Amino acid sequence: MKNKWFKDFKSKFKVVIIHPDTMEEKGGFSMSRLNFWSTFIVYSLIIIAITTCVIFFTSIRELIPGYTDVTLDRRVYNMERKADSIDVIFHQNEAYIENLKRIINDEDMSSDNMMVRSKTYVNVPAFFVPMTGLVTNHFNSNNKHFGVDVVAKDDAVIRATADGTVVFSDWSVEGGYVIGIQHNKNLVSIYKHNASVMKHVGEKVKAGDAIAILGGGGTTSTGPHMHFELWYKGNALNPEDYISFEGK
């Protein structure tokens, strides 16, 4: 029985192509069941192999439901890192702006453990003297006086101590007209108690540019003078360590 089945499996059959009208034989070929199935299996394997290569080595694989791009995890990781970096920078800038507002408004900074640098020199070019005059009140961190008070003639011009960008220019209750300039190397200069300001937020200034007129505005002012402060990375500096206001 087995031999008969195998013999039939190897037996050849002739496939003939006949014209339907004339019944004329147009062609044909002979093939056994074994040849037919062998050919079918071989071509099927070839098609499967080609299809597999196309799917796994081209972008078509991403169209398969449930398939995950092999680079997706790395891209998501890089995006998360960038998002974290942006978040850190945002909070740093937010804290910087908040501290700048507190400095300008003469708020108490002691709760933030502010460091006072009176003898640590900042590596910057020579400062331009904002205004020459008599220093009537020196830097004193113990009394929370984080700057110097300089008296000069009425309507004296106050000038930028270094190149930078104006980050604050407005009236405050305690400081009168105040102007703040952001310089290179995380340095900020503050000028308080002005009669008027001559620059607006966002303007670029050069060292020596006129930025304000001497005055005595604000509730903490005891008379016409300039209150000048220097801040480095959020730390108060003693301006007299860098600038001679009395022209010595």
Protein backbone atom coordinates (compact mmCIF):
# COMPACT_ATOMS: atom_id res chain seq x y z
CA MET A 1 0.00 0.00 0.00
CA LYS A 2 2.82 2.35 0.95
CA ASN A 3 4.77 1.52 -2.19
CA LYS A 4 1.69 2.08 -4.34
CA TRP A 5 1.10 5.52 -2.75
CA PHE A 6 4.71 6.52 -3.25
CA LYS A 7 4.61 5.26 -6.84
CA ASP A 8 1.47 7.31 -7.53
CA PHE A 9 3.13 10.34 -5.90
CA LYS A 10 6.02 10.01 -8.37
CA SER A 11 3.81 9.34 -11.36
CA LYS A 12 3.79 12.13 -13.90
CA PHE A 13 0.71 13.94 -15.15
CA LYS A 14 0.51 15.94 -18.30
CA VAL A 15 -1.04 19.36 -18.26
CA VAL A 16 -2.24 20.38 -21.74
CA ILE A 17 -3.32 23.84 -22.93
CA ILE A 18 -6.07 23.58 -25.62
CA HIS A 19 -7.70 26.32 -27.68
CA PRO A 20 -11.38 26.41 -26.63
CA ASP A 21 -12.72 26.86 -30.17
CA THR A 22 -10.51 24.68 -32.33
CA MET A 23 -9.53 22.23 -29.61
CA GLU A 24 -6.01 22.59 -30.96
CA GLU A 25 -3.27 21.74 -28.48
CA LYS A 26 -1.26 24.85 -27.83
CA GLY A 27 1.19 23.51 -25.28
CA GLY A 28 1.65 21.48 -22.17
CA PHE A 29 4.02 20.10 -19.63
CA SER A 30 4.45 17.02 -17.55
CA MET A 31 4.88 17.05 -13.79
CA SER A 32 4.57 14.56 -11.00
CA ARG A 33 2.89 15.32 -7.70
CA LEU A 34 6.35 15.14 -6.12
CA ASN A 35 7.70 17.76 -8.53
CA PHE A 36 4.66 19.97 -8.04
CA TRP A 37 4.85 20.01 -4.26
CA SER A 38 8.63 20.32 -4.26
CA THR A 39 8.43 23.32 -6.59
CA PHE A 40 5.58 24.83 -4.55
CA ILE A 41 7.50 24.44 -1.28
CA VAL A 42 10.73 25.89 -2.72
CA TYR A 43 9.01 28.94 -4.19
CA SER A 44 7.02 29.43 -0.99
CA LEU A 45 10.22 29.39 1.06
CA ILE A 46 11.81 31.89 -1.33
CA ILE A 47 8.79 34.22 -1.05
CA ILE A 48 8.77 33.89 2.74
CA ALA A 49 12.52 34.66 2.89
CA ILE A 50 12.16 37.72 0.64
CA THR A 51 9.15 38.98 2.60
CA THR A 52 10.99 38.51 5.90
CA CYS A 53 14.01 40.45 4.65
CA VAL A 54 11.82 43.28 3.36
CA ILE A 55 9.98 43.50 6.70
CA PHE A 56 13.01 43.37 9.00
CA PHE A 57 15.46 45.45 6.96
CA THR A 58 13.21 48.24 5.72
CA SER A 59 10.88 50.81 7.33
CA ILE A 60 7.89 48.64 6.40
CA ARG A 61 8.38 46.79 9.70
CA GLU A 62 7.07 49.84 11.54
CA LEU A 63 3.66 49.32 9.88
CA ILE A 64 3.21 45.97 11.63
CA PRO A 65 0.75 46.32 14.56
CA GLY A 66 2.55 45.95 17.90
CA TYR A 67 6.04 46.34 16.45
CA THR A 68 8.36 48.67 18.38
CA ASP A 69 11.12 50.58 16.65
CA VAL A 70 14.48 49.39 17.99
CA THR A 71 15.67 53.02 18.26
CA LEU A 72 12.53 54.22 20.06
CA ASP A 73 13.86 53.59 23.58
CA ARG A 74 17.05 55.55 22.90
CA ARG A 75 15.11 58.43 21.35
CA VAL A 76 12.72 58.53 24.30
CA TYR A 77 15.69 58.48 26.70
CA ASN A 78 17.38 61.37 24.87
CA MET A 79 14.14 63.35 24.87
CA GLU A 80 13.73 62.79 28.61
CA ARG A 81 17.29 64.00 29.21
CA LYS A 82 16.68 67.13 27.16
CA ALA A 83 13.41 67.75 28.99
CA ASP A 84 15.16 67.39 32.36
CA SER A 85 17.90 69.80 31.27
CA ILE A 86 15.35 72.35 30.10
CA ASP A 87 13.47 71.99 33.39
CA VAL A 88 16.66 72.57 35.40
CA ILE A 89 17.57 75.65 33.33
CA PHE A 90 14.02 76.99 33.69
CA HIS A 91 14.08 76.67 37.48
CA GLN A 92 17.57 78.20 37.65
CA ASN A 93 16.42 81.19 35.61
CA GLU A 94 13.27 81.45 37.69
CA ALA A 95 15.33 81.48 40.90
CA TYR A 96 17.74 84.02 39.39
CA ILE A 97 14.91 86.40 38.46
CA GLU A 98 13.30 85.99 41.88
CA ASN A 99 16.59 86.74 43.66
CA LEU A 100 17.17 89.77 41.43
CA LYS A 101 13.74 91.12 42.35
CA ARG A 102 14.49 90.63 46.04
CA ILE A 103 17.84 92.39 45.70
CA ILE A 104 16.24 95.36 43.95
CA ASN A 105 13.41 95.56 46.51
CA ASP A 106 15.85 95.44 49.49
CA GLU A 107 14.27 92.25 50.83
CA ASP A 108 16.03 90.22 53.52
CA MET A 109 18.39 87.71 51.88
CA SER A 110 19.71 86.14 55.08
CA SER A 111 17.24 83.25 54.91
CA ASP A 112 18.96 82.04 51.77
CA ASN A 113 22.38 81.84 53.47
CA MET A 114 23.76 84.40 51.07
CA MET A 115 27.53 84.38 50.87
CA VAL A 116 29.30 87.71 51.15
CA ARG A 117 32.48 88.05 49.12
CA SER A 118 34.40 91.07 50.22
CA LYS A 119 37.94 89.84 49.56
CA THR A 120 37.45 87.34 46.73
CA TYR A 121 38.20 89.07 43.46
CA VAL A 122 36.22 88.39 40.33
CA ASN A 123 38.32 87.88 37.22
CA VAL A 124 36.88 90.65 35.06
CA PRO A 125 38.41 93.68 33.32
CA ALA A 126 38.64 96.95 35.26
CA PHE A 127 35.29 98.43 36.25
CA PHE A 128 34.25 101.86 35.07
CA VAL A 129 33.48 104.23 37.97
CA PRO A 130 29.68 104.70 37.94
CA MET A 131 29.97 108.08 39.60
CA THR A 132 32.79 109.93 41.37
CA GLY A 133 31.87 111.32 44.78
CA LEU A 134 32.08 110.91 48.53
CA VAL A 135 31.31 107.48 50.00
CA THR A 136 29.04 108.15 52.97
CA ASN A 137 28.00 104.59 53.78
CA HIS A 138 30.28 101.62 53.17
CA PHE A 139 29.51 97.98 52.44
CA ASN A 140 28.44 96.23 55.65
CA SER A 141 26.96 92.75 55.40
CA ASN A 142 26.25 92.60 59.14
CA ASN A 143 23.84 95.50 58.75
CA LYS A 144 22.55 94.02 55.48
CA HIS A 145 23.91 97.01 53.58
CA PHE A 146 25.13 95.16 50.48
CA GLY A 147 26.48 98.17 48.62
CA VAL A 148 27.96 101.64 48.96
CA ASP A 149 26.28 105.06 49.11
CA VAL A 150 27.98 107.75 47.07
CA VAL A 151 27.11 111.47 47.27
CA ALA A 152 27.85 113.87 44.40
CA LYS A 153 26.57 117.10 42.89
CA ASP A 154 22.89 117.36 42.06
CA ASP A 155 21.88 115.90 38.69
CA ALA A 156 25.18 114.05 38.35
CA VAL A 157 25.18 111.40 35.64
CA ILE A 158 25.45 107.75 36.68
CA ARG A 159 27.21 105.47 34.20
CA ALA A 160 27.33 101.72 33.56
CA THR A 161 30.23 100.07 35.34
CA ALA A 162 30.73 97.45 32.58
CA ASP A 163 29.24 96.20 29.31
CA GLY A 164 25.95 94.41 29.71
CA THR A 165 22.18 94.23 29.24
CA VAL A 166 19.59 96.12 31.26
CA VAL A 167 17.46 93.57 33.14
CA PHE A 168 15.56 96.00 35.38
CA SER A 169 14.59 99.64 34.94
CA ASP A 170 11.65 100.86 36.96
CA TRP A 171 10.40 102.62 40.08
CA SER A 172 10.34 100.80 43.42
CA VAL A 173 8.90 102.05 46.68
CA GLU A 174 12.09 101.62 48.69
CA GLY A 175 14.71 102.22 45.99
CA GLY A 176 13.10 104.93 43.91
CA TYR A 177 14.15 104.66 40.28
CA VAL A 178 16.32 101.54 40.06
CA ILE A 179 18.31 100.14 37.17
CA GLY A 180 19.98 96.71 37.08
CA ILE A 181 22.48 95.49 34.50
CA GLN A 182 23.49 91.90 33.75
CA HIS A 183 27.18 91.66 32.80
CA ASN A 184 29.33 88.78 31.62
CA LYS A 185 30.55 86.08 34.02
CA ASN A 186 27.35 86.10 36.14
CA LEU A 187 27.95 89.63 37.39
CA VAL A 188 25.08 92.05 38.13
CA SER A 189 25.30 95.73 39.05
CA ILE A 190 22.45 97.60 40.77
CA TYR A 191 21.98 101.40 40.90
CA LYS A 192 19.31 102.73 43.30
CA HIS A 193 17.72 106.03 44.41
CA ASN A 194 17.95 107.67 41.00
CA ALA A 195 15.99 110.75 39.98
CA SER A 196 15.38 109.12 36.58
CA VAL A 197 16.64 106.27 34.43
CA MET A 198 17.85 106.62 30.85
CA LYS A 199 17.80 102.99 29.71
CA HIS A 200 15.05 100.43 29.35
CA VAL A 201 14.91 96.67 29.92
CA GLY A 202 16.60 94.76 27.11
CA GLU A 203 18.89 97.58 26.00
CA LYS A 204 22.59 96.86 25.57
CA VAL A 205 25.00 99.21 27.32
CA LYS A 206 28.73 99.79 27.20
CA ALA A 207 30.95 100.63 30.14
CA GLY A 208 30.67 104.37 30.71
CA ASP A 209 27.28 104.79 29.05
CA ALA A 210 24.95 107.19 30.87
CA ILE A 211 22.14 105.16 32.44
CA ALA A 212 20.59 107.36 35.17
CA ILE A 213 20.54 110.75 36.93
CA LEU A 214 21.48 111.08 40.59
CA GLY A 215 18.51 111.48 42.91
CA GLY A 216 17.18 110.49 46.28
CA GLY A 217 13.96 108.64 45.60
CA GLY A 218 12.61 105.77 47.67
CA THR A 219 11.57 105.34 51.28
CA THR A 220 15.02 104.13 52.38
CA SER A 221 16.85 107.14 50.96
CA THR A 222 18.24 109.72 53.42
CA GLY A 223 19.03 112.27 50.72
CA PRO A 224 20.35 112.55 47.15
CA HIS A 225 22.91 109.80 46.59
CA MET A 226 23.63 106.70 44.52
CA HIS A 227 23.36 103.32 46.19
CA PHE A 228 25.54 100.93 44.17
CA GLU A 229 25.73 97.14 44.50
CA LEU A 230 27.72 94.36 42.82
CA TRP A 231 26.50 90.76 42.83
CA TYR A 232 28.42 87.73 41.57
CA LYS A 233 26.52 84.45 41.14
CA GLY A 234 24.01 85.65 43.73
CA ASN A 235 26.71 86.67 46.19
CA ALA A 236 27.21 90.23 47.39
CA LEU A 237 30.58 91.84 46.60
CA ASN A 238 32.11 94.87 48.25
CA PRO A 239 32.22 97.43 45.40
CA GLU A 240 35.14 99.27 47.02
CA ASP A 241 37.33 96.23 46.47
CA TYR A 242 37.06 96.93 42.74
CA ILE A 243 36.22 100.62 42.32
CA SER A 244 37.62 103.83 43.76
CA PHE A 245 34.59 106.13 43.96
CA GLU A 246 36.48 109.07 45.40
CA GLY A 247 38.90 109.22 42.49
CA LYS A 248 42.03 108.36 44.44
